[in-house]
Amino acid sequence: MHLESRERQPALNPLIVHWAGIGKMRLWLTEQYLLRRFNTTMAAGTCASNGTRDTPSAGSSGDAFDSRSFASYARQVRCCKNLRSAHLDGRDVTKDDMAYWGCCSWPPVRAAECQALVGA
């Protein structure tokens, strides 16, 4: 396993690396991997956020989302669009519908997110 290419040996390619079992060298290896493969460091503001998700605020000016996060809001958008469609059609929404649309997956979709994402 190599951090960068060598003779006839490709560099370590996965985007996700499980660092368990590496022990005391974990931090050094992580820093070298990020530097050599992605030309970035673990300094504040250069890596993705800590996994927490900012709640989109309805009516906020500018970008309501954390642009440093790798997270996608596709599940929330799908949930909100389906809820809006059901409401406009006058259909009742069941808990099975909510589960199928991803509304109940963790973290569950909140009304403020729907307002910010699809205006519903």
Protein backbone atom coordinates (compact mmCIF):
# COMPACT_ATOMS: atom_id res chain seq x y z
CA MET A 1 0.00 0.00 0.00
CA HIS A 2 1.51 3.33 -1.07
CA LEU A 3 0.47 6.95 -0.68
CA GLU A 4 1.78 7.88 -4.11
CA SER A 5 2.69 5.98 -7.29
CA ARG A 6 5.94 4.13 -7.59
CA GLU A 7 7.35 1.87 -10.26
CA ARG A 8 4.49 -0.20 -11.66
CA GLN A 9 2.53 0.27 -8.42
CA PRO A 10 -0.44 2.61 -8.41
CA ALA A 11 -1.14 4.94 -5.54
CA LEU A 12 -3.72 4.10 -2.93
CA ASN A 13 -6.96 5.01 -4.71
CA PRO A 14 -9.95 4.75 -2.40
CA LEU A 15 -11.68 7.92 -1.27
CA ILE A 16 -12.66 6.27 2.00
CA VAL A 17 -9.92 4.76 4.11
CA HIS A 18 -10.47 2.83 7.34
CA TRP A 19 -7.65 3.83 9.67
CA ALA A 20 -8.30 1.32 12.49
CA GLY A 21 -5.39 -0.78 13.61
CA ILE A 22 -2.73 1.62 12.38
CA GLY A 23 -1.97 2.82 15.90
CA LYS A 24 0.33 5.75 16.58
CA MET A 25 1.10 6.30 12.89
CA ARG A 26 -2.56 7.03 12.10
CA LEU A 27 -2.30 10.83 12.30
CA TRP A 28 0.92 11.00 10.31
CA LEU A 29 -0.43 8.63 7.65
CA THR A 30 -3.69 10.58 7.40
CA GLU A 31 -1.87 13.89 7.01
CA GLN A 32 0.47 12.49 4.35
CA TYR A 33 -2.41 10.85 2.47
CA LEU A 34 -4.40 14.10 2.34
CA LEU A 35 -1.37 16.13 1.34
CA ARG A 36 -0.10 13.83 -1.41
CA ARG A 37 -3.39 12.68 -2.89
CA PHE A 38 -5.60 15.75 -2.52
CA ASN A 39 -3.12 18.57 -1.93
CA THR A 40 -4.90 19.52 1.30
CA THR A 41 -4.23 19.37 5.02
CA MET A 42 -6.21 18.88 8.19
CA ALA A 43 -5.98 22.62 8.96
CA ALA A 44 -9.21 24.36 9.86
CA GLY A 45 -11.37 25.14 6.86
CA THR A 46 -9.67 22.83 4.36
CA CYS A 47 -11.39 19.53 5.11
CA ALA A 48 -15.09 18.74 5.23
CA SER A 49 -17.11 19.73 8.23
CA ASN A 50 -17.25 17.49 11.28
CA GLY A 51 -20.33 15.65 10.08
CA THR A 52 -22.85 17.94 11.69
CA ARG A 53 -25.45 19.35 9.38
CA ASP A 54 -26.44 23.00 9.45
CA THR A 55 -30.19 23.42 9.37
CA PRO A 56 -31.20 25.42 6.34
CA SER A 57 -32.99 28.50 7.58
CA ALA A 58 -36.07 29.63 5.74
CA GLY A 59 -35.81 33.09 4.27
CA SER A 60 -32.10 33.43 4.94
CA SER A 61 -30.02 35.46 2.57
CA GLY A 62 -27.29 33.72 0.62
CA ASP A 63 -26.30 30.10 0.94
CA ALA A 64 -28.04 28.49 3.92
CA PHE A 65 -25.96 25.34 3.73
CA ASP A 66 -22.44 24.49 4.85
CA SER A 67 -20.51 24.47 1.57
CA ARG A 68 -17.63 22.56 3.19
CA SER A 69 -19.78 19.50 3.84
CA PHE A 70 -19.75 16.49 1.53
CA ALA A 71 -23.34 15.76 2.45
CA SER A 72 -26.11 15.78 -0.14
CA TYR A 73 -29.59 17.11 0.48
CA ALA A 74 -31.13 14.86 -2.19
CA ARG A 75 -33.05 12.80 0.37
CA GLN A 76 -34.50 15.91 2.00
CA VAL A 77 -35.46 17.41 -1.37
CA ARG A 78 -37.17 14.17 -2.40
CA CYS A 79 -39.11 14.07 0.86
CA CYS A 80 -40.17 17.71 0.65
CA LYS A 81 -41.21 17.53 -3.01
CA ASN A 82 -43.32 14.43 -2.36
CA LEU A 83 -44.94 16.02 0.70
CA ARG A 84 -45.74 19.16 -1.29
CA SER A 85 -47.16 17.13 -4.17
CA ALA A 86 -49.36 15.09 -1.83
CA HIS A 87 -50.59 18.26 -0.13
CA LEU A 88 -51.42 19.98 -3.44
CA ASP A 89 -53.26 16.84 -4.65
CA GLY A 90 -55.20 16.61 -1.38
CA ARG A 91 -53.84 13.13 -0.66
CA ASP A 92 -53.33 11.78 2.83
CA VAL A 93 -49.71 10.89 3.62
CA THR A 94 -49.11 7.65 5.49
CA LYS A 95 -46.13 6.74 7.63
CA ASP A 96 -45.18 4.26 4.89
CA ASP A 97 -45.09 7.12 2.37
CA MET A 98 -42.89 9.15 4.72
CA ALA A 99 -40.52 6.22 5.21
CA TYR A 100 -40.36 5.46 1.47
CA TRP A 101 -39.58 9.08 0.63
CA GLY A 102 -36.76 9.18 3.19
CA CYS A 103 -38.43 11.68 5.50
CA CYS A 104 -37.89 9.51 8.56
CA SER A 105 -34.27 8.48 7.97
CA TRP A 106 -31.75 9.93 10.39
CA PRO A 107 -31.67 12.83 10.76
CA PRO A 108 -35.35 13.26 9.97
CA VAL A 109 -36.42 16.04 7.63
CA ARG A 110 -37.67 19.16 9.41
CA ALA A 111 -40.16 21.78 8.23
CA ALA A 112 -37.44 24.46 8.14
CA GLU A 113 -35.43 22.30 5.72
CA CYS A 114 -38.40 21.90 3.39
CA GLN A 115 -39.00 25.63 3.45
CA ALA A 116 -35.37 26.37 2.58
CA LEU A 117 -34.98 23.61 0.00
CA VAL A 118 -38.21 23.70 -1.98
CA GLY A 119 -40.17 26.60 -0.53
CA ALA A 120 -42.94 24.37 0.76
